[in-house]
Amino acid sequence: MGMGIDIRNQMAKRAAEEIQTGMVVNLGIGIPSLVPNHLSSGIQVMFHAENGIVGMGSSPNKGDEDENLCNAGGFPVTLNSCGSYCDSATSFAMIRSGRVDVTILGSLQVSQKGDLANWIVPGKKVPGMGGGMELAQKAKKVIVLMNHTDKFGNPKIVKECTLPLTTKACVNLIVTELAVFRVTENELLLTELFAPYDIEAVKNKTEGEFAVSEYVRKISF
């Protein structure tokens, strides 16, 4: 199944349920950048960007972009009231000292133990790992939003990551277009299914082993 905008927003909306008032939240590029559009009303959050923004707002309307104001992926953003700027050293000091409550990242692979591989496919040129390693190690909670399979149909939830790792055993929650998994100390646990999928459909597209929660929530947005 293709990753249409409705599916992407469905995943972002589920991830937004993990955010509570008062949190400092870092968002990766791609699907995670949609999360602010789905916060419950009344929730007050400070969105953090590695390039030096705390209090990042939504995407600007076309024509209102500020060429000097962008997120870590280089896309235009706005600044909320009481937001602030800082240099990258201060921004990374916030991450490394554990002041980021939640980071929501995309990924290329996640192992059944919660290992994260999200920065490079060997042979492809990329600018570098960016802040992914620090965020994965130091954020209090790591949520991965990703397609369940790659563009060739290969599972992205695997027994062991075959791509270069970002960080070992760091992922707490995985949200795909099929299901939601929690990574516990002992196992990968399927806790939720997106309509219209069932457990068998998830097993067919998952290489890593997982247990099924006694109660599985069925999500239909």
N, C-alpha and C. Protein backbone atom coordinates (compact mmCIF):
# COMPACT_ATOMS: atom_id res chain seq x y z
N MET A 1 0.85 -1.20 0.00
CA MET A 1 0.00 0.00 0.00
C MET A 1 0.88 1.24 0.00
N GLY A 2 0.56 2.23 -0.83
CA GLY A 2 1.35 3.45 -0.88
C GLY A 2 1.13 4.30 0.35
N MET A 3 2.10 5.16 0.63
CA MET A 3 2.02 6.02 1.80
C MET A 3 1.36 7.33 1.42
N GLY A 4 0.03 7.36 1.34
CA GLY A 4 -0.69 8.58 1.02
C GLY A 4 -0.67 9.54 2.18
N ILE A 5 -1.11 10.78 1.92
CA ILE A 5 -1.07 11.81 2.95
C ILE A 5 -1.97 11.44 4.12
N ASP A 6 -3.11 10.77 3.87
CA ASP A 6 -4.01 10.40 4.96
C ASP A 6 -3.34 9.41 5.90
N ILE A 7 -2.60 8.47 5.35
CA ILE A 7 -1.91 7.48 6.18
C ILE A 7 -0.80 8.16 6.98
N ARG A 8 -0.05 9.05 6.35
CA ARG A 8 1.01 9.77 7.05
C ARG A 8 0.44 10.56 8.23
N ASN A 9 -0.68 11.22 8.00
CA ASN A 9 -1.31 12.00 9.08
C ASN A 9 -1.90 11.10 10.15
N GLN A 10 -2.39 9.93 9.76
CA GLN A 10 -2.89 8.97 10.74
C GLN A 10 -1.78 8.55 11.70
N MET A 11 -0.59 8.29 11.14
CA MET A 11 0.55 7.92 11.97
C MET A 11 0.98 9.07 12.86
N ALA A 12 1.00 10.28 12.30
CA ALA A 12 1.40 11.46 13.07
C ALA A 12 0.41 11.73 14.21
N LYS A 13 -0.86 11.50 13.93
CA LYS A 13 -1.88 11.73 14.97
C LYS A 13 -1.71 10.76 16.12
N ARG A 14 -1.35 9.51 15.80
CA ARG A 14 -1.13 8.54 16.88
C ARG A 14 0.09 8.93 17.71
N ALA A 15 1.14 9.37 17.05
CA ALA A 15 2.34 9.79 17.79
C ALA A 15 2.05 11.00 18.68
N ALA A 16 1.17 11.89 18.22
CA ALA A 16 0.84 13.08 18.99
C ALA A 16 0.18 12.73 20.32
N GLU A 17 -0.44 11.55 20.41
CA GLU A 17 -1.06 11.12 21.67
C GLU A 17 -0.03 10.94 22.79
N GLU A 18 1.23 10.78 22.42
CA GLU A 18 2.28 10.56 23.42
C GLU A 18 2.79 11.86 24.04
N ILE A 19 2.33 12.99 23.52
CA ILE A 19 2.85 14.29 23.95
C ILE A 19 1.93 14.91 24.99
N GLN A 20 2.52 15.39 26.07
CA GLN A 20 1.77 16.01 27.16
C GLN A 20 2.25 17.43 27.39
N THR A 21 1.39 18.23 28.00
CA THR A 21 1.73 19.63 28.30
C THR A 21 3.02 19.72 29.11
N GLY A 22 3.85 20.68 28.73
CA GLY A 22 5.10 20.93 29.45
C GLY A 22 6.31 20.23 28.87
N MET A 23 6.10 19.35 27.90
CA MET A 23 7.22 18.61 27.32
C MET A 23 8.04 19.48 26.36
N VAL A 24 9.31 19.11 26.26
CA VAL A 24 10.18 19.60 25.18
C VAL A 24 10.30 18.46 24.18
N VAL A 25 9.91 18.70 22.93
CA VAL A 25 9.79 17.64 21.93
C VAL A 25 10.60 17.98 20.70
N ASN A 26 11.44 17.03 20.28
CA ASN A 26 12.22 17.20 19.05
C ASN A 26 11.59 16.37 17.94
N LEU A 27 11.45 16.96 16.75
CA LEU A 27 10.84 16.29 15.62
C LEU A 27 11.84 16.09 14.50
N GLY A 28 11.89 14.85 13.97
CA GLY A 28 12.70 14.59 12.80
C GLY A 28 11.98 15.08 11.55
N ILE A 29 12.65 14.97 10.41
CA ILE A 29 12.05 15.40 9.15
C ILE A 29 11.14 14.29 8.60
N GLY A 30 10.28 14.63 7.66
CA GLY A 30 9.36 13.66 7.09
C GLY A 30 8.08 13.58 7.89
N ILE A 31 7.59 12.37 8.12
CA ILE A 31 6.31 12.17 8.82
C ILE A 31 6.30 12.84 10.20
N PRO A 32 7.40 12.79 10.99
CA PRO A 32 7.37 13.44 12.30
C PRO A 32 7.03 14.93 12.25
N SER A 33 7.36 15.60 11.15
CA SER A 33 7.08 17.03 11.06
C SER A 33 5.58 17.34 11.02
N LEU A 34 4.74 16.31 10.79
CA LEU A 34 3.29 16.50 10.75
C LEU A 34 2.66 16.45 12.14
N VAL A 35 3.42 16.00 13.14
CA VAL A 35 2.86 15.78 14.47
C VAL A 35 2.21 17.04 15.08
N PRO A 36 2.81 18.24 14.96
CA PRO A 36 2.18 19.41 15.59
C PRO A 36 0.77 19.70 15.09
N ASN A 37 0.45 19.24 13.89
CA ASN A 37 -0.90 19.48 13.35
C ASN A 37 -1.96 18.65 14.06
N HIS A 38 -1.55 17.72 14.91
CA HIS A 38 -2.51 16.78 15.50
C HIS A 38 -2.52 16.80 17.03
N LEU A 39 -1.92 17.82 17.63
CA LEU A 39 -1.95 17.92 19.09
C LEU A 39 -3.35 18.25 19.58
N SER A 40 -3.75 17.66 20.69
CA SER A 40 -5.03 18.00 21.29
C SER A 40 -5.03 19.46 21.72
N SER A 41 -6.18 20.09 21.63
CA SER A 41 -6.25 21.51 22.00
C SER A 41 -5.93 21.67 23.48
N GLY A 42 -5.22 22.74 23.78
CA GLY A 42 -4.87 23.02 25.17
C GLY A 42 -3.52 22.49 25.59
N ILE A 43 -2.92 21.61 24.78
CA ILE A 43 -1.60 21.10 25.12
C ILE A 43 -0.54 22.14 24.77
N GLN A 44 0.28 22.48 25.73
CA GLN A 44 1.35 23.47 25.54
C GLN A 44 2.69 22.75 25.48
N VAL A 45 3.34 22.82 24.33
CA VAL A 45 4.58 22.07 24.09
C VAL A 45 5.63 23.01 23.53
N MET A 46 6.88 22.75 23.87
CA MET A 46 8.00 23.48 23.26
C MET A 46 8.68 22.55 22.26
N PHE A 47 8.53 22.85 20.96
CA PHE A 47 9.18 22.04 19.94
C PHE A 47 10.61 22.55 19.73
N HIS A 48 11.53 21.59 19.74
CA HIS A 48 12.97 21.88 19.71
C HIS A 48 13.56 21.42 18.38
N ALA A 49 14.42 22.26 17.81
CA ALA A 49 15.14 21.88 16.59
C ALA A 49 16.64 21.99 16.85
N GLU A 50 17.40 21.00 16.37
CA GLU A 50 18.83 20.96 16.67
C GLU A 50 19.58 22.19 16.20
N ASN A 51 19.06 22.84 15.15
CA ASN A 51 19.77 24.01 14.62
C ASN A 51 19.56 25.25 15.46
N GLY A 52 18.83 25.15 16.58
CA GLY A 52 18.80 26.25 17.53
C GLY A 52 17.49 26.96 17.72
N ILE A 53 16.38 26.23 17.66
CA ILE A 53 15.06 26.81 17.93
C ILE A 53 14.41 26.04 19.08
N VAL A 54 13.88 26.78 20.04
CA VAL A 54 13.06 26.19 21.09
C VAL A 54 11.75 26.97 21.09
N GLY A 55 10.66 26.28 20.79
CA GLY A 55 9.38 26.98 20.64
C GLY A 55 9.00 27.13 19.17
N MET A 56 9.41 26.14 18.37
CA MET A 56 9.13 26.16 16.93
C MET A 56 7.64 26.04 16.68
N GLY A 57 7.16 26.84 15.71
CA GLY A 57 5.74 26.82 15.36
C GLY A 57 5.47 25.98 14.13
N SER A 58 4.30 26.16 13.57
CA SER A 58 3.88 25.38 12.41
C SER A 58 4.53 25.92 11.13
N SER A 59 4.28 25.25 10.03
CA SER A 59 4.81 25.71 8.74
C SER A 59 4.11 27.01 8.35
N PRO A 60 4.84 27.97 7.77
CA PRO A 60 4.21 29.24 7.38
C PRO A 60 3.35 29.06 6.13
N ASN A 61 2.41 29.98 5.95
CA ASN A 61 1.65 30.00 4.71
C ASN A 61 2.56 30.37 3.56
N LYS A 62 2.21 29.91 2.37
CA LYS A 62 3.02 30.21 1.20
C LYS A 62 3.12 31.71 1.01
N GLY A 63 4.32 32.18 0.84
CA GLY A 63 4.56 33.61 0.69
C GLY A 63 4.98 34.29 1.97
N ASP A 64 4.77 33.60 3.13
CA ASP A 64 5.13 34.18 4.43
C ASP A 64 6.41 33.57 5.00
N GLU A 65 7.13 32.80 4.19
CA GLU A 65 8.34 32.15 4.68
C GLU A 65 9.42 33.19 5.03
N ASP A 66 10.18 32.88 6.06
CA ASP A 66 11.36 33.68 6.43
C ASP A 66 12.58 32.85 6.07
N GLU A 67 13.41 33.35 5.14
CA GLU A 67 14.55 32.56 4.67
C GLU A 67 15.55 32.25 5.76
N ASN A 68 15.49 32.98 6.86
CA ASN A 68 16.42 32.75 7.96
C ASN A 68 15.84 31.89 9.08
N LEU A 69 14.62 31.40 8.88
CA LEU A 69 13.96 30.62 9.93
C LEU A 69 13.51 29.28 9.37
N CYS A 70 14.26 28.22 9.71
CA CYS A 70 13.94 26.89 9.20
C CYS A 70 14.24 25.85 10.28
N ASN A 71 13.70 24.65 10.07
CA ASN A 71 13.99 23.57 11.00
C ASN A 71 15.29 22.87 10.61
N ALA A 72 15.61 21.79 11.32
CA ALA A 72 16.89 21.11 11.09
C ALA A 72 16.96 20.48 9.71
N GLY A 73 15.81 20.26 9.08
CA GLY A 73 15.80 19.70 7.74
C GLY A 73 15.87 20.76 6.65
N GLY A 74 15.89 22.04 7.06
CA GLY A 74 15.98 23.13 6.09
C GLY A 74 14.64 23.63 5.60
N PHE A 75 13.53 23.15 6.19
CA PHE A 75 12.20 23.58 5.75
C PHE A 75 11.71 24.77 6.57
N PRO A 76 11.01 25.72 5.93
CA PRO A 76 10.55 26.92 6.64
C PRO A 76 9.62 26.59 7.80
N VAL A 77 9.80 27.29 8.91
CA VAL A 77 8.92 27.15 10.07
C VAL A 77 8.60 28.54 10.61
N THR A 78 7.77 28.57 11.63
CA THR A 78 7.49 29.82 12.34
C THR A 78 7.97 29.67 13.77
N LEU A 79 7.93 30.77 14.51
CA LEU A 79 8.32 30.77 15.92
C LEU A 79 7.11 31.15 16.75
N ASN A 80 6.78 30.33 17.73
CA ASN A 80 5.65 30.63 18.61
C ASN A 80 5.98 31.77 19.56
N SER A 81 4.95 32.36 20.13
CA SER A 81 5.14 33.37 21.17
C SER A 81 5.95 32.75 22.31
N CYS A 82 6.94 33.44 22.80
CA CYS A 82 7.84 32.98 23.86
C CYS A 82 8.85 31.96 23.35
N GLY A 83 8.91 31.73 22.03
CA GLY A 83 9.97 30.89 21.48
C GLY A 83 11.30 31.62 21.52
N SER A 84 12.38 30.87 21.32
CA SER A 84 13.70 31.50 21.40
C SER A 84 14.68 30.83 20.44
N TYR A 85 15.78 31.53 20.18
CA TYR A 85 16.86 31.01 19.35
C TYR A 85 18.09 30.79 20.22
N CYS A 86 18.93 29.85 19.80
CA CYS A 86 20.22 29.66 20.46
C CYS A 86 21.18 29.09 19.44
N ASP A 87 22.48 29.06 19.79
CA ASP A 87 23.43 28.46 18.85
C ASP A 87 23.36 26.93 18.96
N SER A 88 23.99 26.26 18.00
CA SER A 88 23.90 24.79 17.96
C SER A 88 24.53 24.15 19.18
N ALA A 89 25.57 24.77 19.73
CA ALA A 89 26.22 24.20 20.91
C ALA A 89 25.23 24.14 22.08
N THR A 90 24.45 25.20 22.26
CA THR A 90 23.45 25.23 23.33
C THR A 90 22.34 24.24 23.04
N SER A 91 21.92 24.18 21.78
CA SER A 91 20.87 23.24 21.39
C SER A 91 21.27 21.80 21.69
N PHE A 92 22.52 21.44 21.34
CA PHE A 92 22.98 20.08 21.59
C PHE A 92 23.26 19.85 23.07
N ALA A 93 23.60 20.90 23.81
CA ALA A 93 23.77 20.75 25.26
C ALA A 93 22.43 20.38 25.90
N MET A 94 21.34 20.94 25.37
CA MET A 94 20.01 20.57 25.87
C MET A 94 19.74 19.08 25.65
N ILE A 95 20.11 18.60 24.45
CA ILE A 95 19.88 17.19 24.13
C ILE A 95 20.75 16.30 25.01
N ARG A 96 22.04 16.59 25.05
CA ARG A 96 22.99 15.72 25.74
C ARG A 96 22.79 15.69 27.25
N SER A 97 22.16 16.74 27.79
CA SER A 97 21.93 16.77 29.24
C SER A 97 20.55 16.21 29.60
N GLY A 98 19.84 15.64 28.62
CA GLY A 98 18.59 14.96 28.90
C GLY A 98 17.39 15.86 29.07
N ARG A 99 17.44 17.05 28.50
CA ARG A 99 16.33 18.00 28.66
C ARG A 99 15.26 17.87 27.57
N VAL A 100 15.48 16.96 26.62
CA VAL A 100 14.45 16.69 25.62
C VAL A 100 13.63 15.50 26.10
N ASP A 101 12.32 15.71 26.26
CA ASP A 101 11.46 14.65 26.81
C ASP A 101 11.15 13.58 25.77
N VAL A 102 10.86 13.99 24.54
CA VAL A 102 10.48 13.06 23.49
C VAL A 102 11.16 13.46 22.19
N THR A 103 11.70 12.49 21.47
CA THR A 103 12.12 12.73 20.10
C THR A 103 11.35 11.79 19.20
N ILE A 104 10.87 12.33 18.08
CA ILE A 104 10.08 11.54 17.13
C ILE A 104 10.85 11.53 15.82
N LEU A 105 11.31 10.34 15.43
CA LEU A 105 12.26 10.19 14.33
C LEU A 105 11.72 9.25 13.26
N GLY A 106 12.18 9.43 12.05
CA GLY A 106 11.99 8.43 11.01
C GLY A 106 13.10 7.39 11.13
N SER A 107 12.97 6.28 10.39
CA SER A 107 14.02 5.26 10.44
C SER A 107 14.03 4.41 9.19
N LEU A 108 15.20 3.82 8.93
CA LEU A 108 15.37 2.87 7.85
C LEU A 108 15.12 1.44 8.33
N GLN A 109 15.56 1.17 9.55
CA GLN A 109 15.32 -0.13 10.19
C GLN A 109 15.26 0.06 11.70
N VAL A 110 14.47 -0.80 12.36
CA VAL A 110 14.49 -0.92 13.82
C VAL A 110 14.52 -2.41 14.13
N SER A 111 15.40 -2.82 15.03
CA SER A 111 15.46 -4.24 15.39
C SER A 111 14.44 -4.55 16.48
N GLN A 112 14.19 -5.83 16.69
CA GLN A 112 13.24 -6.24 17.72
C GLN A 112 13.73 -5.91 19.12
N LYS A 113 15.00 -5.55 19.25
CA LYS A 113 15.55 -5.11 20.54
C LYS A 113 15.53 -3.60 20.70
N GLY A 114 15.04 -2.90 19.67
CA GLY A 114 14.99 -1.44 19.75
C GLY A 114 16.22 -0.74 19.23
N ASP A 115 17.10 -1.47 18.51
CA ASP A 115 18.24 -0.81 17.86
C ASP A 115 17.72 0.06 16.73
N LEU A 116 18.35 1.21 16.53
CA LEU A 116 17.92 2.18 15.53
C LEU A 116 18.97 2.35 14.43
N ALA A 117 18.54 2.22 13.18
CA ALA A 117 19.40 2.49 12.02
C ALA A 117 18.64 3.47 11.13
N ASN A 118 19.01 4.75 11.22
CA ASN A 118 18.18 5.74 10.51
C ASN A 118 18.97 6.82 9.78
N TRP A 119 20.28 6.54 9.52
CA TRP A 119 21.01 7.67 8.96
C TRP A 119 21.65 7.43 7.60
N ILE A 120 21.92 6.18 7.21
CA ILE A 120 22.59 6.00 5.92
C ILE A 120 22.33 4.62 5.33
N VAL A 121 22.17 4.59 4.02
CA VAL A 121 22.22 3.35 3.26
C VAL A 121 23.60 3.30 2.62
N PRO A 122 24.41 2.27 2.88
CA PRO A 122 25.77 2.23 2.33
C PRO A 122 25.79 2.49 0.82
N GLY A 123 26.71 3.34 0.42
CA GLY A 123 26.83 3.68 -0.99
C GLY A 123 26.11 4.96 -1.38
N LYS A 124 25.22 5.42 -0.51
CA LYS A 124 24.49 6.68 -0.77
C LYS A 124 25.20 7.82 -0.05
N LYS A 125 25.26 8.97 -0.69
CA LYS A 125 25.90 10.12 -0.07
C LYS A 125 24.87 10.88 0.78
N VAL A 126 25.23 11.14 2.02
CA VAL A 126 24.39 11.95 2.91
C VAL A 126 25.27 12.96 3.62
N PRO A 127 24.68 14.07 4.11
CA PRO A 127 25.50 15.08 4.79
C PRO A 127 26.13 14.58 6.08
N GLY A 128 25.51 13.60 6.73
CA GLY A 128 26.04 13.09 7.99
C GLY A 128 24.89 12.66 8.89
N MET A 129 25.23 12.21 10.08
CA MET A 129 24.24 11.68 11.01
C MET A 129 23.41 12.79 11.64
N GLY A 130 23.93 14.01 11.67
CA GLY A 130 23.20 15.08 12.32
C GLY A 130 23.08 14.84 13.81
N GLY A 131 21.93 15.21 14.38
CA GLY A 131 21.74 15.04 15.83
C GLY A 131 21.10 13.73 16.21
N GLY A 132 20.93 12.82 15.24
CA GLY A 132 20.21 11.58 15.51
C GLY A 132 20.81 10.75 16.62
N MET A 133 22.12 10.65 16.67
CA MET A 133 22.76 9.80 17.68
C MET A 133 22.52 10.37 19.08
N GLU A 134 22.71 11.68 19.23
CA GLU A 134 22.49 12.29 20.54
C GLU A 134 21.04 12.17 20.98
N LEU A 135 20.12 12.43 20.05
CA LEU A 135 18.70 12.35 20.39
C LEU A 135 18.31 10.93 20.79
N ALA A 136 18.77 9.95 20.03
CA ALA A 136 18.42 8.56 20.30
C ALA A 136 18.96 8.10 21.65
N GLN A 137 20.12 8.62 22.04
CA GLN A 137 20.73 8.21 23.30
C GLN A 137 20.19 8.96 24.50
N LYS A 138 19.86 10.23 24.32
CA LYS A 138 19.61 11.09 25.48
C LYS A 138 18.18 11.54 25.68
N ALA A 139 17.33 11.48 24.65
CA ALA A 139 15.93 11.85 24.86
C ALA A 139 15.29 10.84 25.81
N LYS A 140 14.37 11.31 26.63
CA LYS A 140 13.75 10.43 27.61
C LYS A 140 12.87 9.38 26.95
N LYS A 141 12.32 9.70 25.78
CA LYS A 141 11.49 8.74 25.05
C LYS A 141 11.77 8.89 23.56
N VAL A 142 11.98 7.75 22.88
CA VAL A 142 12.28 7.74 21.45
C VAL A 142 11.13 7.05 20.71
N ILE A 143 10.47 7.81 19.85
CA ILE A 143 9.36 7.27 19.05
C ILE A 143 9.80 7.26 17.59
N VAL A 144 9.59 6.14 16.92
CA VAL A 144 9.91 6.02 15.49
C VAL A 144 8.62 5.98 14.68
N LEU A 145 8.52 6.87 13.70
CA LEU A 145 7.44 6.85 12.72
C LEU A 145 8.04 6.43 11.40
N MET A 146 7.60 5.32 10.84
CA MET A 146 8.20 4.86 9.59
C MET A 146 7.25 3.94 8.83
N ASN A 147 7.48 3.80 7.52
CA ASN A 147 6.77 2.80 6.73
C ASN A 147 7.09 1.42 7.30
N HIS A 148 6.14 0.50 7.21
CA HIS A 148 6.38 -0.85 7.73
C HIS A 148 7.39 -1.61 6.87
N THR A 149 7.41 -1.31 5.57
CA THR A 149 8.37 -1.93 4.65
C THR A 149 9.03 -0.84 3.82
N ASP A 150 10.18 -1.18 3.20
CA ASP A 150 10.83 -0.21 2.33
C ASP A 150 10.19 -0.24 0.94
N LYS A 151 10.72 0.56 0.02
CA LYS A 151 10.09 0.68 -1.30
C LYS A 151 10.16 -0.61 -2.12
N PHE A 152 10.99 -1.54 -1.67
CA PHE A 152 11.08 -2.84 -2.35
C PHE A 152 10.23 -3.91 -1.66
N GLY A 153 9.53 -3.52 -0.59
CA GLY A 153 8.70 -4.47 0.14
C GLY A 153 9.42 -5.22 1.24
N ASN A 154 10.67 -4.86 1.53
CA ASN A 154 11.43 -5.53 2.59
C ASN A 154 11.01 -5.00 3.96
N PRO A 155 10.85 -5.88 4.95
CA PRO A 155 10.47 -5.43 6.30
C PRO A 155 11.50 -4.47 6.88
N LYS A 156 11.01 -3.46 7.59
CA LYS A 156 11.90 -2.51 8.27
C LYS A 156 11.99 -2.79 9.76
N ILE A 157 11.09 -3.63 10.29
CA ILE A 157 11.22 -4.13 11.66
C ILE A 157 11.86 -5.50 11.54
N VAL A 158 13.11 -5.61 11.98
CA VAL A 158 13.95 -6.78 11.68
C VAL A 158 14.50 -7.41 12.96
N LYS A 159 15.01 -8.64 12.81
CA LYS A 159 15.64 -9.30 13.95
C LYS A 159 16.92 -8.57 14.35
N GLU A 160 17.77 -8.31 13.36
CA GLU A 160 19.01 -7.57 13.57
C GLU A 160 19.14 -6.55 12.44
N CYS A 161 19.48 -5.32 12.76
CA CYS A 161 19.67 -4.30 11.73
C CYS A 161 20.86 -4.67 10.83
N THR A 162 20.67 -4.55 9.54
CA THR A 162 21.76 -4.80 8.59
C THR A 162 22.40 -3.49 8.12
N LEU A 163 21.73 -2.38 8.38
CA LEU A 163 22.27 -1.06 8.04
C LEU A 163 23.06 -0.51 9.23
N PRO A 164 23.98 0.44 8.97
CA PRO A 164 24.78 1.01 10.07
C PRO A 164 23.88 1.60 11.16
N LEU A 165 24.20 1.26 12.41
CA LEU A 165 23.37 1.70 13.54
C LEU A 165 23.58 3.17 13.87
N THR A 166 22.52 3.76 14.35
CA THR A 166 22.59 5.08 14.96
C THR A 166 22.86 4.93 16.45
N THR A 167 22.04 4.11 17.10
CA THR A 167 22.19 3.82 18.53
C THR A 167 21.55 2.48 18.84
N LYS A 168 22.12 1.75 19.78
CA LYS A 168 21.56 0.46 20.20
C LYS A 168 20.47 0.65 21.26
N ALA A 169 19.48 -0.23 21.21
CA ALA A 169 18.47 -0.37 22.26
C ALA A 169 17.95 0.96 22.79
N CYS A 170 17.50 1.81 21.88
CA CYS A 170 17.07 3.15 22.28
C CYS A 170 15.60 3.42 22.02
N VAL A 171 14.98 2.65 21.10
CA VAL A 171 13.61 2.94 20.68
C VAL A 171 12.61 2.45 21.72
N ASN A 172 11.63 3.30 22.04
CA ASN A 172 10.58 2.93 22.99
C ASN A 172 9.26 2.57 22.32
N LEU A 173 8.96 3.24 21.19
CA LEU A 173 7.67 3.05 20.53
C LEU A 173 7.88 3.12 19.02
N ILE A 174 7.23 2.21 18.29
CA ILE A 174 7.28 2.21 16.82
C ILE A 174 5.85 2.37 16.30
N VAL A 175 5.66 3.34 15.41
CA VAL A 175 4.36 3.54 14.76
C VAL A 175 4.55 3.40 13.26
N THR A 176 3.86 2.44 12.65
CA THR A 176 3.87 2.29 11.20
C THR A 176 2.44 2.47 10.69
N GLU A 177 2.25 2.32 9.38
CA GLU A 177 0.90 2.44 8.84
C GLU A 177 0.03 1.22 9.17
N LEU A 178 0.66 0.17 9.71
CA LEU A 178 -0.07 -1.05 10.06
C LEU A 178 -0.38 -1.17 11.55
N ALA A 179 0.60 -0.80 12.38
CA ALA A 179 0.47 -1.14 13.79
C ALA A 179 1.36 -0.26 14.67
N VAL A 180 1.16 -0.43 15.98
CA VAL A 180 1.98 0.25 16.99
C VAL A 180 2.62 -0.83 17.86
N PHE A 181 3.93 -0.68 18.08
CA PHE A 181 4.68 -1.62 18.92
C PHE A 181 5.34 -0.86 20.06
N ARG A 182 5.34 -1.46 21.23
CA ARG A 182 6.15 -0.95 22.34
C ARG A 182 7.36 -1.87 22.50
N VAL A 183 8.50 -1.26 22.76
CA VAL A 183 9.72 -2.04 22.97
C VAL A 183 9.92 -2.15 24.47
N THR A 184 9.77 -3.36 25.00
CA THR A 184 9.96 -3.58 26.43
C THR A 184 11.36 -4.16 26.65
N GLU A 185 11.70 -4.42 27.90
CA GLU A 185 13.02 -4.97 28.21
C GLU A 185 13.21 -6.36 27.60
N ASN A 186 12.11 -7.08 27.44
CA ASN A 186 12.21 -8.48 27.02
C ASN A 186 11.79 -8.75 25.58
N GLU A 187 10.96 -7.85 25.01
CA GLU A 187 10.39 -8.19 23.71
C GLU A 187 9.78 -6.98 23.03
N LEU A 188 9.46 -7.20 21.76
CA LEU A 188 8.68 -6.25 20.98
C LEU A 188 7.22 -6.65 21.16
N LEU A 189 6.37 -5.70 21.53
CA LEU A 189 4.99 -6.00 21.87
C LEU A 189 4.04 -5.21 20.98
N LEU A 190 3.23 -5.90 20.19
CA LEU A 190 2.21 -5.25 19.37
C LEU A 190 1.04 -4.88 20.26
N THR A 191 0.72 -3.59 20.32
CA THR A 191 -0.34 -3.13 21.22
C THR A 191 -1.54 -2.54 20.49
N GLU A 192 -1.34 -2.13 19.21
CA GLU A 192 -2.41 -1.47 18.48
C GLU A 192 -2.35 -1.83 17.00
N LEU A 193 -3.51 -1.85 16.37
CA LEU A 193 -3.62 -2.09 14.93
C LEU A 193 -4.39 -0.95 14.29
N PHE A 194 -3.93 -0.50 13.13
CA PHE A 194 -4.70 0.45 12.35
C PHE A 194 -5.69 -0.31 11.47
N ALA A 195 -6.92 0.18 11.42
CA ALA A 195 -7.90 -0.42 10.51
C ALA A 195 -7.41 -0.22 9.07
N PRO A 196 -7.56 -1.22 8.19
CA PRO A 196 -8.31 -2.46 8.36
C PRO A 196 -7.41 -3.66 8.62
N TYR A 197 -6.19 -3.46 9.12
CA TYR A 197 -5.21 -4.54 9.19
C TYR A 197 -5.47 -5.45 10.39
N ASP A 198 -5.02 -6.71 10.24
CA ASP A 198 -5.10 -7.66 11.34
C ASP A 198 -3.68 -8.16 11.67
N ILE A 199 -3.59 -8.98 12.71
CA ILE A 199 -2.28 -9.45 13.18
C ILE A 199 -1.56 -10.25 12.10
N GLU A 200 -2.29 -11.03 11.36
CA GLU A 200 -1.68 -11.85 10.31
C GLU A 200 -1.02 -10.97 9.25
N ALA A 201 -1.68 -9.88 8.88
CA ALA A 201 -1.11 -8.96 7.90
C ALA A 201 0.20 -8.35 8.40
N VAL A 202 0.24 -8.05 9.70
CA VAL A 202 1.46 -7.48 10.28
C VAL A 202 2.57 -8.52 10.30
N LYS A 203 2.25 -9.75 10.67
CA LYS A 203 3.27 -10.82 10.70
C LYS A 203 3.88 -11.04 9.32
N ASN A 204 3.06 -10.94 8.29
CA ASN A 204 3.56 -11.17 6.94
C ASN A 204 4.54 -10.11 6.47
N LYS A 205 4.52 -8.95 7.11
CA LYS A 205 5.39 -7.85 6.68
C LYS A 205 6.46 -7.51 7.72
N THR A 206 6.62 -8.37 8.72
CA THR A 206 7.56 -8.11 9.82
C THR A 206 8.56 -9.25 9.93
N GLU A 207 9.85 -8.92 9.89
CA GLU A 207 10.87 -9.95 10.06
C GLU A 207 11.15 -10.21 11.54
N GLY A 208 11.18 -9.15 12.32
CA GLY A 208 11.45 -9.29 13.74
C GLY A 208 10.32 -10.02 14.45
N GLU A 209 10.68 -10.70 15.53
CA GLU A 209 9.68 -11.41 16.32
C GLU A 209 8.99 -10.44 17.28
N PHE A 210 7.70 -10.65 17.48
CA PHE A 210 6.98 -9.80 18.42
C PHE A 210 5.89 -10.59 19.12
N ALA A 211 5.58 -10.16 20.34
CA ALA A 211 4.46 -10.71 21.08
C ALA A 211 3.25 -9.82 20.83
N VAL A 212 2.06 -10.34 21.15
CA VAL A 212 0.83 -9.59 20.96
C VAL A 212 0.22 -9.30 22.34
N SER A 213 -0.11 -8.04 22.56
CA SER A 213 -0.70 -7.64 23.83
C SER A 213 -2.01 -8.37 24.08
N GLU A 214 -2.31 -8.58 25.35
CA GLU A 214 -3.58 -9.23 25.72
C GLU A 214 -4.76 -8.43 25.18
N TYR A 215 -4.63 -7.11 25.23
CA TYR A 215 -5.65 -6.24 24.64
C TYR A 215 -5.00 -5.46 23.51
N VAL A 216 -5.54 -5.57 22.30
CA VAL A 216 -5.03 -4.84 21.14
C VAL A 216 -6.04 -3.76 20.76
N ARG A 217 -5.62 -2.53 20.85
CA ARG A 217 -6.49 -1.41 20.46
C ARG A 217 -6.61 -1.36 18.94
N LYS A 218 -7.83 -1.17 18.43
CA LYS A 218 -8.06 -1.00 17.01
C LYS A 218 -8.25 0.49 16.74
N ILE A 219 -7.39 1.07 15.90
CA ILE A 219 -7.42 2.51 15.63
C ILE A 219 -8.04 2.77 14.27
N SER A 220 -9.03 3.64 14.27
CA SER A 220 -9.64 4.06 13.01
C SER A 220 -9.90 5.56 13.12
N PHE A 221 -9.03 6.37 12.53
CA PHE A 221 -9.18 7.82 12.60
C PHE A 221 -10.12 8.31 11.51
